[in-house]
Every structure is written in structure tokens, then in C-alpha cells.
Amino acid sequence: QCRLLLCCYLIIHRTSPDALFYVVLFAASCNQVFQVPEHIVKPPGEAATIKCSHNVTAYDRVLWYKQVKSGQLQFLGYTYTNMHNPEPGVDVKLDGNADKGQTCTLTIEVLRTNSSAVYFCAARSTVYGEPAYFGQGTKLTVLDHEVKSPTVKILPPSDNECRKKKRSKRKKTLVCVASGFYPDHVSVSWNIDGQSVTDGVATDSAAVKKDKFYTVTSRLTVPAEAWFNPQTVFNCTVNFFNGSSNNPYSDSISCILICFPAEKYLHISQNAKLSYVVLIVKSCLYGVFVCFVIWKLQVGLIISHLINSPGRE
């Protein structure tokens, strides 16, 4: 399946004779660049290798870039067919072949903390003006302390918003917070009743670091009727790459546990039972009163009959 690339222009300055060229990303037909792995997490001193290949006919250059957190791109060098040209002063090793269907590699032989960045490869033709096609990127983190998994919690809409059912036509926003993790190799996804959803989802573009650990938030906005449905379950899953594998961490929430907590059900149930008991007692007392009135009337009639009987003259 072909990838759709964003339209934009990047101007890359170099000190070599090929001093200035344009990198163009646009809607490609079936031209693809394959870059692996997506994530690398390693301690300092080890080596890391990124592989890149493409299927673009007549393209015979693979260029390498390093993007730091500020967003700036640093040109690292390129491979032309099987000739390797790293930039002066750049501590990387280039290898492989840049032709279609072949594989190029970039290796950082000794990782340092400043090696942490996102690395991109791009396939390019030697013909000036032809577009360059980029890979999806490899995020590399060189660890400076221990790996720690995230804690995931979904925060419901505010109590005020949740309980005002008169406003049921309004939207409700749930917030998923993943906190206390390191490094920041995470992705967030939502599902409702087991079905993946993307509409109404807004996730932070980058995790925020506080002290040694990261926090990221994602918001899901849904129609109020979906939230107030007591059988609907909302789930937030955070996939965390720990250096060897992706691991899911999740939390779930339902309105029935928030809008109608057990304490409220118990309170309502107890009130109902008490009301029922009071009603029964009142009914019994009323029945006793009626029986007493009837008995008194009957006794009065008997006494009156005896008094007025002819035999008592």
C-alpha cells in the first residue's frame, strides 16, 4: 500500500559542491522508502544501526538526517550507489548500496547522550529537481537512567458536567494521563466497547519531562449520550517501548461507576426500603384503626339493640 506524504519544502544547506537543493515531500504514487527499526533505546557506549531501502526506479542516493528536539535537521551524509560520503565531523558510519531494492545502513558506533534524536533516511535521484522520498524515521534514545513503565489513568468529565443531564446534548471529554515513564517512546490509542476510535481524539504532540520522567495526555471527546450510556466502556491504551519490546498499559472507565457510584445506589436502595417499611407500618396501623372503628360500631349497635329490646320493659 502506497503512503501519502505531506506537501512541504525543506531547504538544506551544505558545504559540498552540491551546495543547495530542495527536498520535496508530496503525494507519492507508489514510491516508498522503508526504514527500520522504528525505535532504538540503548545505554551509552553501545552501537546502533538503522537500515534504509527504497523501491524508486532510477534513484541511487540515500541521504541521512538527524532531527533534534528543537526540530532542526542536521545533514549527516549520503550513499551514492555503493560510495559512502559522511559529512566532515559527523561520527557515523555509512554502508550498503543506495540503488532500488538494496539496503543502506547508518551506524553510530559509540552512543552518547547527545546521540538521542530522530533519524531519517531519504531516497533521492542525481537528477536535480527530482523529489526526495523520506522514511518514517527512527527514534533513538540513549539512556541516562533506568527504564520505567507508565502509569495510565482516565479522568472522567467534571462532576458538575456529568450530573447535569439537562445538558445531555453537550459533548463530554475524557482525559487519559500516562505518567512517570522513561524514555518517551509511547503511543496512545482509544477504543469504545472494544472498537478503535480516532474521531474526537487529541493527543499531545510530545511528552513533557518533569525531573527524570515523562507525562503525556490524550483527550477523547464523545457525544453526551455515549458517555451517559451505563453499558459503554471507554479504554485508553498506552504502548510503551522499553528497549526490547512494545508493551501495552491501559485503563478503562464507564459512566455507571462515576455518575451512579455504588454509594449512591446503596443510599437510594436504603431510602426505598425505609419508605416501603414506613408505608407497610402506616397501612397496618390504618387497618387496625379501621378494625377498631368497625368493632366499636358493632358493639354500639349491639348495646343499642339490647337497650331498645321489648323484653326489657
C-alpha atoms as a PDB file:
ATOM      1  CA  GLN A   1       0.000   0.000   0.000  1.00  0.00           C
ATOM      2  CA  CYS A   2       1.375   3.379  -1.003  1.00  0.00           C
ATOM      3  CA  ARG A   3       1.932   6.104   1.566  1.00  0.00           C
ATOM      4  CA  LEU A   4       0.610   9.645   1.214  1.00  0.00           C
ATOM      5  CA  LEU A   5       3.268  12.191   2.097  1.00  0.00           C
ATOM      6  CA  LEU A   6       2.716  15.752   3.261  1.00  0.00           C
ATOM      7  CA  CYS A   7       3.395  18.590   0.829  1.00  0.00           C
ATOM      8  CA  CYS A   8       6.237  20.762   2.022  1.00  0.00           C
ATOM      9  CA  TYR A   9       9.638  22.107   1.058  1.00  0.00           C
ATOM     10  CA  LEU A  10      12.873  21.863   3.007  1.00  0.00           C
ATOM     11  CA  ILE A  11      15.971  23.814   2.057  1.00  0.00           C
ATOM     12  CA  ILE A  12      19.157  22.002   3.078  1.00  0.00           C
ATOM     13  CA  HIS A  13      22.448  23.910   3.160  1.00  0.00           C
ATOM     14  CA  ARG A  14      25.674  22.034   2.639  1.00  0.00           C
ATOM     15  CA  THR A  15      29.312  22.940   2.296  1.00  0.00           C
ATOM     16  CA  SER A  16      29.968  20.459  -0.522  1.00  0.00           C
ATOM     17  CA  PRO A  17      29.748  21.390  -4.241  1.00  0.00           C
ATOM     18  CA  ASP A  18      26.132  20.273  -4.195  1.00  0.00           C
ATOM     19  CA  ALA A  19      25.600  23.323  -2.004  1.00  0.00           C
ATOM     20  CA  LEU A  20      21.874  23.842  -2.080  1.00  0.00           C
ATOM     21  CA  PHE A  21      18.988  21.608  -3.063  1.00  0.00           C
ATOM     22  CA  TYR A  22      15.329  21.215  -2.324  1.00  0.00           C
ATOM     23  CA  VAL A  23      13.811  18.229  -0.606  1.00  0.00           C
ATOM     24  CA  VAL A  24      10.223  17.876  -1.706  1.00  0.00           C
ATOM     25  CA  LEU A  25       7.653  15.719   0.055  1.00  0.00           C
ATOM     26  CA  PHE A  26       4.350  15.304  -1.728  1.00  0.00           C
ATOM     27  CA  ALA A  27       1.607  12.848  -2.552  1.00  0.00           C
ATOM     28  CA  ALA A  28       3.550   9.944  -3.963  1.00  0.00           C
ATOM     29  CA  SER A  29       2.139   7.267  -6.209  1.00  0.00           C
ATOM     30  CA  CYS A  30       3.891   4.052  -5.215  1.00  0.00           C
ATOM     31  CA  ASN A  31       7.341   5.358  -4.359  1.00  0.00           C
ATOM     32  CA  GLN A  32       8.239   4.106  -0.922  1.00  0.00           C
ATOM     33  CA  VAL A  33      11.146   4.299   1.485  1.00  0.00           C
ATOM     34  CA  PHE A  34      11.447   1.615   4.145  1.00  0.00           C
ATOM     35  CA  GLN A  35      13.277   2.458   7.363  1.00  0.00           C
ATOM     36  CA  VAL A  36      13.806   0.145  10.352  1.00  0.00           C
ATOM     37  CA  PRO A  37      13.670  -0.027  13.286  1.00  0.00           C
ATOM     38  CA  GLU A  38      11.096   2.497  14.438  1.00  0.00           C
ATOM     39  CA  HIS A  39      12.549   2.687  17.973  1.00  0.00           C
ATOM     40  CA  ILE A  40      16.001   2.248  19.480  1.00  0.00           C
ATOM     41  CA  VAL A  41      16.659   2.508  23.230  1.00  0.00           C
ATOM     42  CA  LYS A  42      20.188   1.751  24.422  1.00  0.00           C
ATOM     43  CA  PRO A  43      22.672   2.725  27.135  1.00  0.00           C
ATOM     44  CA  PRO A  44      25.699   4.910  26.367  1.00  0.00           C
ATOM     45  CA  GLY A  45      28.725   3.254  24.787  1.00  0.00           C
ATOM     46  CA  GLU A  46      26.818   0.724  22.698  1.00  0.00           C
ATOM     47  CA  ALA A  47      26.328   0.859  18.924  1.00  0.00           C
ATOM     48  CA  ALA A  48      23.101   1.445  16.986  1.00  0.00           C
ATOM     49  CA  THR A  49      22.345   0.677  13.333  1.00  0.00           C
ATOM     50  CA  ILE A  50      19.480   1.973  11.184  1.00  0.00           C
ATOM     51  CA  LYS A  51      18.576   0.344   7.862  1.00  0.00           C
ATOM     52  CA  CYS A  52      17.015   2.034   4.836  1.00  0.00           C
ATOM     53  CA  SER A  53      15.816   0.790   1.449  1.00  0.00           C
ATOM     54  CA  HIS A  54      13.533   2.076  -1.323  1.00  0.00           C
ATOM     55  CA  ASN A  55      11.675   0.967  -4.450  1.00  0.00           C
ATOM     56  CA  VAL A  56      12.051   4.142  -6.534  1.00  0.00           C
ATOM     57  CA  THR A  57      13.301   3.474 -10.052  1.00  0.00           C
ATOM     58  CA  ALA A  58      16.456   5.366 -11.094  1.00  0.00           C
ATOM     59  CA  TYR A  59      17.043   6.688  -7.572  1.00  0.00           C
ATOM     60  CA  ASP A  60      20.578   5.928  -6.466  1.00  0.00           C
ATOM     61  CA  ARG A  61      21.207   8.169  -3.440  1.00  0.00           C
ATOM     62  CA  VAL A  62      20.220   7.692   0.173  1.00  0.00           C
ATOM     63  CA  LEU A  63      20.624  10.734   2.398  1.00  0.00           C
ATOM     64  CA  TRP A  64      20.674  10.701   6.195  1.00  0.00           C
ATOM     65  CA  TYR A  65      19.398  13.356   8.620  1.00  0.00           C
ATOM     66  CA  LYS A  66      19.281  13.830  12.367  1.00  0.00           C
ATOM     67  CA  GLN A  67      16.375  15.787  13.869  1.00  0.00           C
ATOM     68  CA  VAL A  68      16.876  17.048  17.412  1.00  0.00           C
ATOM     69  CA  LYS A  69      14.025  18.019  19.755  1.00  0.00           C
ATOM     70  CA  SER A  70      14.150  21.654  18.620  1.00  0.00           C
ATOM     71  CA  GLY A  71      13.063  20.400  15.193  1.00  0.00           C
ATOM     72  CA  GLN A  72      16.273  21.289  13.360  1.00  0.00           C
ATOM     73  CA  LEU A  73      17.570  18.852  10.753  1.00  0.00           C
ATOM     74  CA  GLN A  74      21.273  18.085  10.604  1.00  0.00           C
ATOM     75  CA  PHE A  75      22.600  16.524   7.394  1.00  0.00           C
ATOM     76  CA  LEU A  76      24.784  13.512   8.251  1.00  0.00           C
ATOM     77  CA  GLY A  77      25.908  12.353   4.815  1.00  0.00           C
ATOM     78  CA  TYR A  78      24.784  10.196   1.903  1.00  0.00           C
ATOM     79  CA  THR A  79      25.438   6.991  -0.003  1.00  0.00           C
ATOM     80  CA  TYR A  80      25.655   7.196  -3.812  1.00  0.00           C
ATOM     81  CA  THR A  81      25.170   3.692  -5.210  1.00  0.00           C
ATOM     82  CA  ASN A  82      27.865   1.991  -3.083  1.00  0.00           C
ATOM     83  CA  MET A  83      30.002   5.045  -2.336  1.00  0.00           C
ATOM     84  CA  HIS A  84      29.689   6.478   1.151  1.00  0.00           C
ATOM     85  CA  ASN A  85      30.078  10.156   1.996  1.00  0.00           C
ATOM     86  CA  PRO A  86      29.590  11.081   5.663  1.00  0.00           C
ATOM     87  CA  GLU A  87      29.760  14.771   6.489  1.00  0.00           C
ATOM     88  CA  PRO A  88      33.033  16.011   8.000  1.00  0.00           C
ATOM     89  CA  GLY A  89      32.982  15.931  11.782  1.00  0.00           C
ATOM     90  CA  VAL A  90      29.949  13.634  11.940  1.00  0.00           C
ATOM     91  CA  ASP A  91      30.563  10.479  13.954  1.00  0.00           C
ATOM     92  CA  VAL A  92      28.603   7.975  11.851  1.00  0.00           C
ATOM     93  CA  LYS A  93      29.476   5.077   9.577  1.00  0.00           C
ATOM     94  CA  LEU A  94      27.611   4.621   6.272  1.00  0.00           C
ATOM     95  CA  ASP A  95      27.416   1.303   4.461  1.00  0.00           C
ATOM     96  CA  GLY A  96      25.383  -0.627   1.892  1.00  0.00           C
ATOM     97  CA  ASN A  97      24.010   0.242  -1.542  1.00  0.00           C
ATOM     98  CA  ALA A  98      21.600   3.067  -2.423  1.00  0.00           C
ATOM     99  CA  ASP A  99      20.113   1.528  -5.575  1.00  0.00           C
ATOM    100  CA  LYS A 100      16.495   0.390  -5.791  1.00  0.00           C
ATOM    101  CA  GLY A 101      15.851  -2.764  -3.776  1.00  0.00           C
ATOM    102  CA  GLN A 102      19.186  -2.572  -1.947  1.00  0.00           C
ATOM    103  CA  THR A 103      19.827  -1.663   1.686  1.00  0.00           C
ATOM    104  CA  CYS A 104      21.820   1.194   3.177  1.00  0.00           C
ATOM    105  CA  THR A 105      22.839   1.468   6.808  1.00  0.00           C
ATOM    106  CA  LEU A 106      23.820   4.216   9.195  1.00  0.00           C
ATOM    107  CA  THR A 107      25.734   3.114  12.290  1.00  0.00           C
ATOM    108  CA  ILE A 108      26.605   5.118  15.374  1.00  0.00           C
ATOM    109  CA  GLU A 109      29.411   3.023  16.815  1.00  0.00           C
ATOM    110  CA  VAL A 110      29.616   4.679  20.238  1.00  0.00           C
ATOM    111  CA  LEU A 111      26.367   6.120  21.549  1.00  0.00           C
ATOM    112  CA  ARG A 112      26.427   9.264  23.654  1.00  0.00           C
ATOM    113  CA  THR A 113      23.585  11.153  25.306  1.00  0.00           C
ATOM    114  CA  ASN A 114      23.672  13.749  22.502  1.00  0.00           C
ATOM    115  CA  SER A 115      23.049  10.921  20.024  1.00  0.00           C
ATOM    116  CA  SER A 116      19.405  10.925  21.140  1.00  0.00           C
ATOM    117  CA  ALA A 117      17.294  12.205  18.231  1.00  0.00           C
ATOM    118  CA  VAL A 118      15.020  11.106  15.401  1.00  0.00           C
ATOM    119  CA  TYR A 119      16.948   9.872  12.362  1.00  0.00           C
ATOM    120  CA  PHE A 120      15.580   9.967   8.816  1.00  0.00           C
ATOM    121  CA  CYS A 121      16.751   8.498   5.551  1.00  0.00           C
ATOM    122  CA  ALA A 122      15.610   9.811   2.175  1.00  0.00           C
ATOM    123  CA  ALA A 123      15.908   8.399  -1.343  1.00  0.00           C
ATOM    124  CA  ARG A 124      16.932  10.923  -3.992  1.00  0.00           C
ATOM    125  CA  SER A 125      17.851  10.981  -7.649  1.00  0.00           C
ATOM    126  CA  THR A 126      21.030  12.518  -9.035  1.00  0.00           C
ATOM    127  CA  VAL A 127      18.773  14.491 -11.384  1.00  0.00           C
ATOM    128  CA  TYR A 128      18.369  17.990  -9.949  1.00  0.00           C
ATOM    129  CA  GLY A 129      14.783  18.931  -9.081  1.00  0.00           C
ATOM    130  CA  GLU A 130      13.508  15.395  -8.575  1.00  0.00           C
ATOM    131  CA  PRO A 131      11.691  14.920  -5.244  1.00  0.00           C
ATOM    132  CA  ALA A 132      13.206  13.108  -2.300  1.00  0.00           C
ATOM    133  CA  TYR A 133      11.165  10.439  -0.515  1.00  0.00           C
ATOM    134  CA  PHE A 134      11.594  10.088   3.243  1.00  0.00           C
ATOM    135  CA  GLY A 135      11.338   7.104   5.534  1.00  0.00           C
ATOM    136  CA  GLN A 136       9.103   7.201   8.610  1.00  0.00           C
ATOM    137  CA  GLY A 137      12.000   7.917  10.966  1.00  0.00           C
ATOM    138  CA  THR A 138      13.802   6.099  13.757  1.00  0.00           C
ATOM    139  CA  LYS A 139      13.588   7.463  17.282  1.00  0.00           C
ATOM    140  CA  LEU A 140      16.807   6.842  19.198  1.00  0.00           C
ATOM    141  CA  THR A 141      17.181   7.399  22.937  1.00  0.00           C
ATOM    142  CA  VAL A 142      20.459   6.950  24.759  1.00  0.00           C
ATOM    143  CA  LEU A 143      19.525   6.178  28.354  1.00  0.00           C
ATOM    144  CA  ASP A 144      20.749   8.337  31.214  1.00  0.00           C
ATOM    145  CA  HIS A 145      18.890   6.378  33.933  1.00  0.00           C
ATOM    146  CA  GLU A 146      16.711   3.310  34.398  1.00  0.00           C
ATOM    147  CA  VAL A 147      13.727   2.473  32.194  1.00  0.00           C
ATOM    148  CA  LYS A 148      10.351   2.958  33.891  1.00  0.00           C
ATOM    149  CA  SER A 149       6.907   1.955  32.612  1.00  0.00           C
ATOM    150  CA  PRO A 150       3.937   4.365  32.565  1.00  0.00           C
ATOM    151  CA  THR A 151       1.020   4.570  34.954  1.00  0.00           C
ATOM    152  CA  VAL A 152      -2.200   5.114  32.999  1.00  0.00           C
ATOM    153  CA  LYS A 153      -5.349   6.762  34.372  1.00  0.00           C
ATOM    154  CA  ILE A 154      -8.516   8.018  32.656  1.00  0.00           C
ATOM    155  CA  LEU A 155     -10.049  11.134  34.189  1.00  0.00           C
ATOM    156  CA  PRO A 156     -13.832  11.472  33.682  1.00  0.00           C
ATOM    157  CA  PRO A 157     -15.726  14.668  32.825  1.00  0.00           C
ATOM    158  CA  SER A 158     -16.136  17.018  35.768  1.00  0.00           C
ATOM    159  CA  ASP A 159     -18.732  16.082  38.402  1.00  0.00           C
ATOM    160  CA  ASN A 160     -20.713  19.183  37.546  1.00  0.00           C
ATOM    161  CA  GLU A 161     -20.809  18.343  33.857  1.00  0.00           C
ATOM    162  CA  CYS A 162     -21.520  14.663  34.458  1.00  0.00           C
ATOM    163  CA  ARG A 163     -24.551  15.141  36.675  1.00  0.00           C
ATOM    164  CA  LYS A 164     -26.322  17.875  34.740  1.00  0.00           C
ATOM    165  CA  LYS A 165     -28.352  15.665  32.466  1.00  0.00           C
ATOM    166  CA  LYS A 166     -30.295  18.680  31.210  1.00  0.00           C
ATOM    167  CA  ARG A 167     -27.190  19.374  29.149  1.00  0.00           C
ATOM    168  CA  SER A 168     -27.129  15.916  27.625  1.00  0.00           C
ATOM    169  CA  LYS A 169     -26.706  17.327  24.113  1.00  0.00           C
ATOM    170  CA  ARG A 170     -23.294  18.672  25.001  1.00  0.00           C
ATOM    171  CA  LYS A 171     -20.014  16.878  24.418  1.00  0.00           C
ATOM    172  CA  LYS A 172     -18.129  15.103  27.177  1.00  0.00           C
ATOM    173  CA  THR A 173     -14.333  14.976  27.336  1.00  0.00           C
ATOM    174  CA  LEU A 174     -12.338  12.159  28.913  1.00  0.00           C
ATOM    175  CA  VAL A 175      -8.638  12.672  29.606  1.00  0.00           C
ATOM    176  CA  CYS A 176      -6.092   9.846  29.577  1.00  0.00           C
ATOM    177  CA  VAL A 177      -2.927  10.606  31.540  1.00  0.00           C
ATOM    178  CA  ALA A 178       0.185   8.438  31.215  1.00  0.00           C
ATOM    179  CA  SER A 179       2.792   9.474  33.756  1.00  0.00           C
ATOM    180  CA  GLY A 180       6.066   8.503  35.380  1.00  0.00           C
ATOM    181  CA  PHE A 181       7.659   6.796  32.366  1.00  0.00           C
ATOM    182  CA  TYR A 182      11.087   6.873  30.736  1.00  0.00           C
ATOM    183  CA  PRO A 183      12.065   7.073  27.929  1.00  0.00           C
ATOM    184  CA  ASP A 184       9.364   8.853  25.939  1.00  0.00           C
ATOM    185  CA  HIS A 185       8.755   6.105  23.367  1.00  0.00           C
ATOM    186  CA  VAL A 186       4.966   5.930  23.660  1.00  0.00           C
ATOM    187  CA  SER A 187       1.853   5.985  21.515  1.00  0.00           C
ATOM    188  CA  VAL A 188      -1.725   6.417  22.753  1.00  0.00           C
ATOM    189  CA  SER A 189      -4.913   4.866  21.370  1.00  0.00           C
ATOM    190  CA  TRP A 190      -8.583   4.837  22.415  1.00  0.00           C
ATOM    191  CA  ASN A 191     -11.378   2.343  21.968  1.00  0.00           C
ATOM    192  CA  ILE A 192     -15.054   2.311  22.863  1.00  0.00           C
ATOM    193  CA  ASP A 193     -16.575  -1.076  23.650  1.00  0.00           C
ATOM    194  CA  GLY A 194     -13.565  -2.724  22.039  1.00  0.00           C
ATOM    195  CA  GLN A 195     -13.759  -0.701  18.804  1.00  0.00           C
ATOM    196  CA  SER A 196     -10.825   1.558  17.930  1.00  0.00           C
ATOM    197  CA  VAL A 197     -11.713   5.259  17.574  1.00  0.00           C
ATOM    198  CA  THR A 198      -9.771   8.211  16.155  1.00  0.00           C
ATOM    199  CA  ASP A 199     -12.509  10.832  15.763  1.00  0.00           C
ATOM    200  CA  GLY A 200     -12.518  13.244  18.680  1.00  0.00           C
ATOM    201  CA  VAL A 201      -9.034  12.201  19.809  1.00  0.00           C
ATOM    202  CA  ALA A 202      -6.367  14.827  20.535  1.00  0.00           C
ATOM    203  CA  THR A 203      -3.014  13.656  21.893  1.00  0.00           C
ATOM    204  CA  ASP A 204      -0.067  15.779  22.987  1.00  0.00           C
ATOM    205  CA  SER A 205       2.459  16.151  20.176  1.00  0.00           C
ATOM    206  CA  ALA A 206       5.255  15.322  22.611  1.00  0.00           C
ATOM    207  CA  ALA A 207       5.562  14.012  26.149  1.00  0.00           C
ATOM    208  CA  VAL A 208       6.521  16.539  28.820  1.00  0.00           C
ATOM    209  CA  LYS A 209       9.518  15.791  31.029  1.00  0.00           C
ATOM    210  CA  LYS A 210       9.474  16.670  34.713  1.00  0.00           C
ATOM    211  CA  ASP A 211      12.505  15.749  36.771  1.00  0.00           C
ATOM    212  CA  LYS A 212      13.542  12.384  35.304  1.00  0.00           C
ATOM    213  CA  PHE A 213      10.232  11.120  33.939  1.00  0.00           C
ATOM    214  CA  TYR A 214       7.662  11.935  31.284  1.00  0.00           C
ATOM    215  CA  THR A 215       3.926  12.605  31.163  1.00  0.00           C
ATOM    216  CA  VAL A 216       1.658  12.594  28.124  1.00  0.00           C
ATOM    217  CA  THR A 217      -2.083  13.272  27.886  1.00  0.00           C
ATOM    218  CA  SER A 218      -4.707  12.352  25.334  1.00  0.00           C
ATOM    219  CA  ARG A 219      -8.272  13.635  25.190  1.00  0.00           C
ATOM    220  CA  LEU A 220     -11.340  11.860  23.823  1.00  0.00           C
ATOM    221  CA  THR A 221     -14.461  13.935  23.155  1.00  0.00           C
ATOM    222  CA  VAL A 222     -17.710  11.999  22.722  1.00  0.00           C
ATOM    223  CA  PRO A 223     -21.429  12.824  22.483  1.00  0.00           C
ATOM    224  CA  ALA A 224     -23.062  13.027  25.899  1.00  0.00           C
ATOM    225  CA  GLU A 225     -25.407  10.141  25.144  1.00  0.00           C
ATOM    226  CA  ALA A 226     -22.404   7.870  24.585  1.00  0.00           C
ATOM    227  CA  TRP A 227     -20.929   8.858  27.936  1.00  0.00           C
ATOM    228  CA  PHE A 228     -24.206   8.529  29.833  1.00  0.00           C
ATOM    229  CA  ASN A 229     -24.878   5.045  28.443  1.00  0.00           C
ATOM    230  CA  PRO A 230     -24.125   2.896  31.530  1.00  0.00           C
ATOM    231  CA  GLN A 231     -23.076  -0.057  29.366  1.00  0.00           C
ATOM    232  CA  THR A 232     -20.469   1.841  27.328  1.00  0.00           C
ATOM    233  CA  VAL A 233     -16.844   1.207  28.317  1.00  0.00           C
ATOM    234  CA  PHE A 234     -14.057   3.589  27.299  1.00  0.00           C
ATOM    235  CA  ASN A 235     -10.473   2.319  27.175  1.00  0.00           C
ATOM    236  CA  CYS A 236      -7.166   4.150  26.786  1.00  0.00           C
ATOM    237  CA  THR A 237      -4.066   2.117  25.870  1.00  0.00           C
ATOM    238  CA  VAL A 238      -0.508   3.432  26.010  1.00  0.00           C
ATOM    239  CA  ASN A 239       2.061   1.389  24.093  1.00  0.00           C
ATOM    240  CA  PHE A 240       5.488   1.799  25.678  1.00  0.00           C
ATOM    241  CA  PHE A 241       8.762   0.694  24.084  1.00  0.00           C
ATOM    242  CA  ASN A 242      11.150  -0.373  26.843  1.00  0.00           C
ATOM    243  CA  GLY A 243      14.173  -1.062  24.664  1.00  0.00           C
ATOM    244  CA  SER A 244      13.274  -4.581  23.610  1.00  0.00           C
ATOM    245  CA  SER A 245       9.519  -4.698  23.024  1.00  0.00           C
ATOM    246  CA  ASN A 246       6.316  -2.667  22.905  1.00  0.00           C
ATOM    247  CA  ASN A 247       4.133  -3.238  25.961  1.00  0.00           C
ATOM    248  CA  PRO A 248       0.534  -2.036  26.426  1.00  0.00           C
ATOM    249  CA  TYR A 249      -0.646  -0.275  29.591  1.00  0.00           C
ATOM    250  CA  SER A 250      -4.302   0.667  29.816  1.00  0.00           C
ATOM    251  CA  ASP A 251      -7.173   1.957  31.906  1.00  0.00           C
ATOM    252  CA  SER A 252     -10.941   1.742  31.419  1.00  0.00           C
ATOM    253  CA  ILE A 253     -13.866   3.813  32.616  1.00  0.00           C
ATOM    254  CA  SER A 254     -17.665   3.749  32.442  1.00  0.00           C
ATOM    255  CA  CYS A 255     -20.244   6.334  33.407  1.00  0.00           C
ATOM    256  CA  ILE A 256     -22.060   3.848  35.619  1.00  0.00           C
ATOM    257  CA  LEU A 257     -19.104   3.868  38.010  1.00  0.00           C
ATOM    258  CA  ILE A 258     -18.838   7.658  38.021  1.00  0.00           C
ATOM    259  CA  CYS A 259     -22.326   9.064  37.528  1.00  0.00           C
ATOM    260  CA  PHE A 260     -24.001   6.338  39.580  1.00  0.00           C
ATOM    261  CA  PRO A 261     -21.477   5.134  42.152  1.00  0.00           C
ATOM    262  CA  ALA A 262     -22.248   2.203  44.449  1.00  0.00           C
ATOM    263  CA  GLU A 263     -22.692   4.525  47.418  1.00  0.00           C
ATOM    264  CA  LYS A 264     -25.431   6.368  45.600  1.00  0.00           C
ATOM    265  CA  TYR A 265     -27.156   3.121  44.642  1.00  0.00           C
ATOM    266  CA  LEU A 266     -26.928   1.944  48.256  1.00  0.00           C
ATOM    267  CA  HIS A 267     -28.311   5.225  49.544  1.00  0.00           C
ATOM    268  CA  ILE A 268     -31.236   5.100  47.103  1.00  0.00           C
ATOM    269  CA  SER A 269     -31.873   1.443  47.935  1.00  0.00           C
ATOM    270  CA  GLN A 270     -31.853   2.084  51.674  1.00  0.00           C
ATOM    271  CA  ASN A 271     -34.203   5.042  51.292  1.00  0.00           C
ATOM    272  CA  ALA A 272     -36.545   2.931  49.187  1.00  0.00           C
ATOM    273  CA  LYS A 273     -36.534   0.133  51.763  1.00  0.00           C
ATOM    274  CA  LEU A 274     -37.201   2.587  54.586  1.00  0.00           C
ATOM    275  CA  SER A 275     -40.053   4.182  52.651  1.00  0.00           C
ATOM    276  CA  TYR A 276     -41.513   0.748  51.981  1.00  0.00           C
ATOM    277  CA  VAL A 277     -41.332  -0.212  55.676  1.00  0.00           C
ATOM    278  CA  VAL A 278     -42.950   3.072  56.711  1.00  0.00           C
ATOM    279  CA  LEU A 279     -45.712   2.511  54.159  1.00  0.00           C
ATOM    280  CA  ILE A 280     -46.353  -1.011  55.480  1.00  0.00           C
ATOM    281  CA  VAL A 281     -46.453   0.216  59.100  1.00  0.00           C
ATOM    282  CA  LYS A 282     -48.856   3.000  58.157  1.00  0.00           C
ATOM    283  CA  SER A 283     -51.037   0.526  56.304  1.00  0.00           C
ATOM    284  CA  CYS A 284     -51.083  -1.818  59.302  1.00  0.00           C
ATOM    285  CA  LEU A 285     -51.942   0.999  61.700  1.00  0.00           C
ATOM    286  CA  TYR A 286     -54.668   2.196  59.385  1.00  0.00           C
ATOM    287  CA  GLY A 287     -56.015  -1.361  59.179  1.00  0.00           C
ATOM    288  CA  VAL A 288     -56.020  -1.658  62.995  1.00  0.00           C
ATOM    289  CA  PHE A 289     -57.774   1.705  63.264  1.00  0.00           C
ATOM    290  CA  VAL A 290     -60.443   0.674  60.751  1.00  0.00           C
ATOM    291  CA  CYS A 291     -60.967  -2.644  62.543  1.00  0.00           C
ATOM    292  CA  PHE A 292     -61.287  -0.802  65.865  1.00  0.00           C
ATOM    293  CA  VAL A 293     -63.860   1.608  64.423  1.00  0.00           C
ATOM    294  CA  ILE A 294     -65.862  -1.245  62.916  1.00  0.00           C
ATOM    295  CA  TRP A 295     -65.726  -3.193  66.190  1.00  0.00           C
ATOM    296  CA  LYS A 296     -66.809  -0.142  68.156  1.00  0.00           C
ATOM    297  CA  LEU A 297     -69.722   0.455  65.809  1.00  0.00           C
ATOM    298  CA  GLN A 298     -70.776  -3.155  66.088  1.00  0.00           C
ATOM    299  CA  VAL A 299     -70.586  -3.085  69.904  1.00  0.00           C
ATOM    300  CA  GLY A 300     -72.602   0.138  69.924  1.00  0.00           C
ATOM    301  CA  LEU A 301     -75.275  -1.397  67.740  1.00  0.00           C
ATOM    302  CA  ILE A 302     -75.495  -4.479  69.972  1.00  0.00           C
ATOM    303  CA  ILE A 303     -75.830  -2.377  73.139  1.00  0.00           C
ATOM    304  CA  SER A 304     -78.412  -0.156  71.490  1.00  0.00           C
ATOM    305  CA  HIS A 305     -80.348  -3.209  70.366  1.00  0.00           C
ATOM    306  CA  LEU A 306     -80.317  -4.679  73.857  1.00  0.00           C
ATOM    307  CA  ILE A 307     -81.486  -1.434  75.441  1.00  0.00           C
ATOM    308  CA  ASN A 308     -84.307  -0.961  72.983  1.00  0.00           C
ATOM    309  CA  SER A 309     -85.405  -4.610  73.075  1.00  0.00           C
ATOM    310  CA  PRO A 310     -89.190  -5.023  74.177  1.00  0.00           C
ATOM    311  CA  GLY A 311     -88.293  -7.690  76.677  1.00  0.00           C
ATOM    312  CA  ARG A 312     -86.527  -5.117  78.875  1.00  0.00           C
ATOM    313  CA  GLU A 313     -89.652  -3.002  79.683  1.00  0.00           C
END
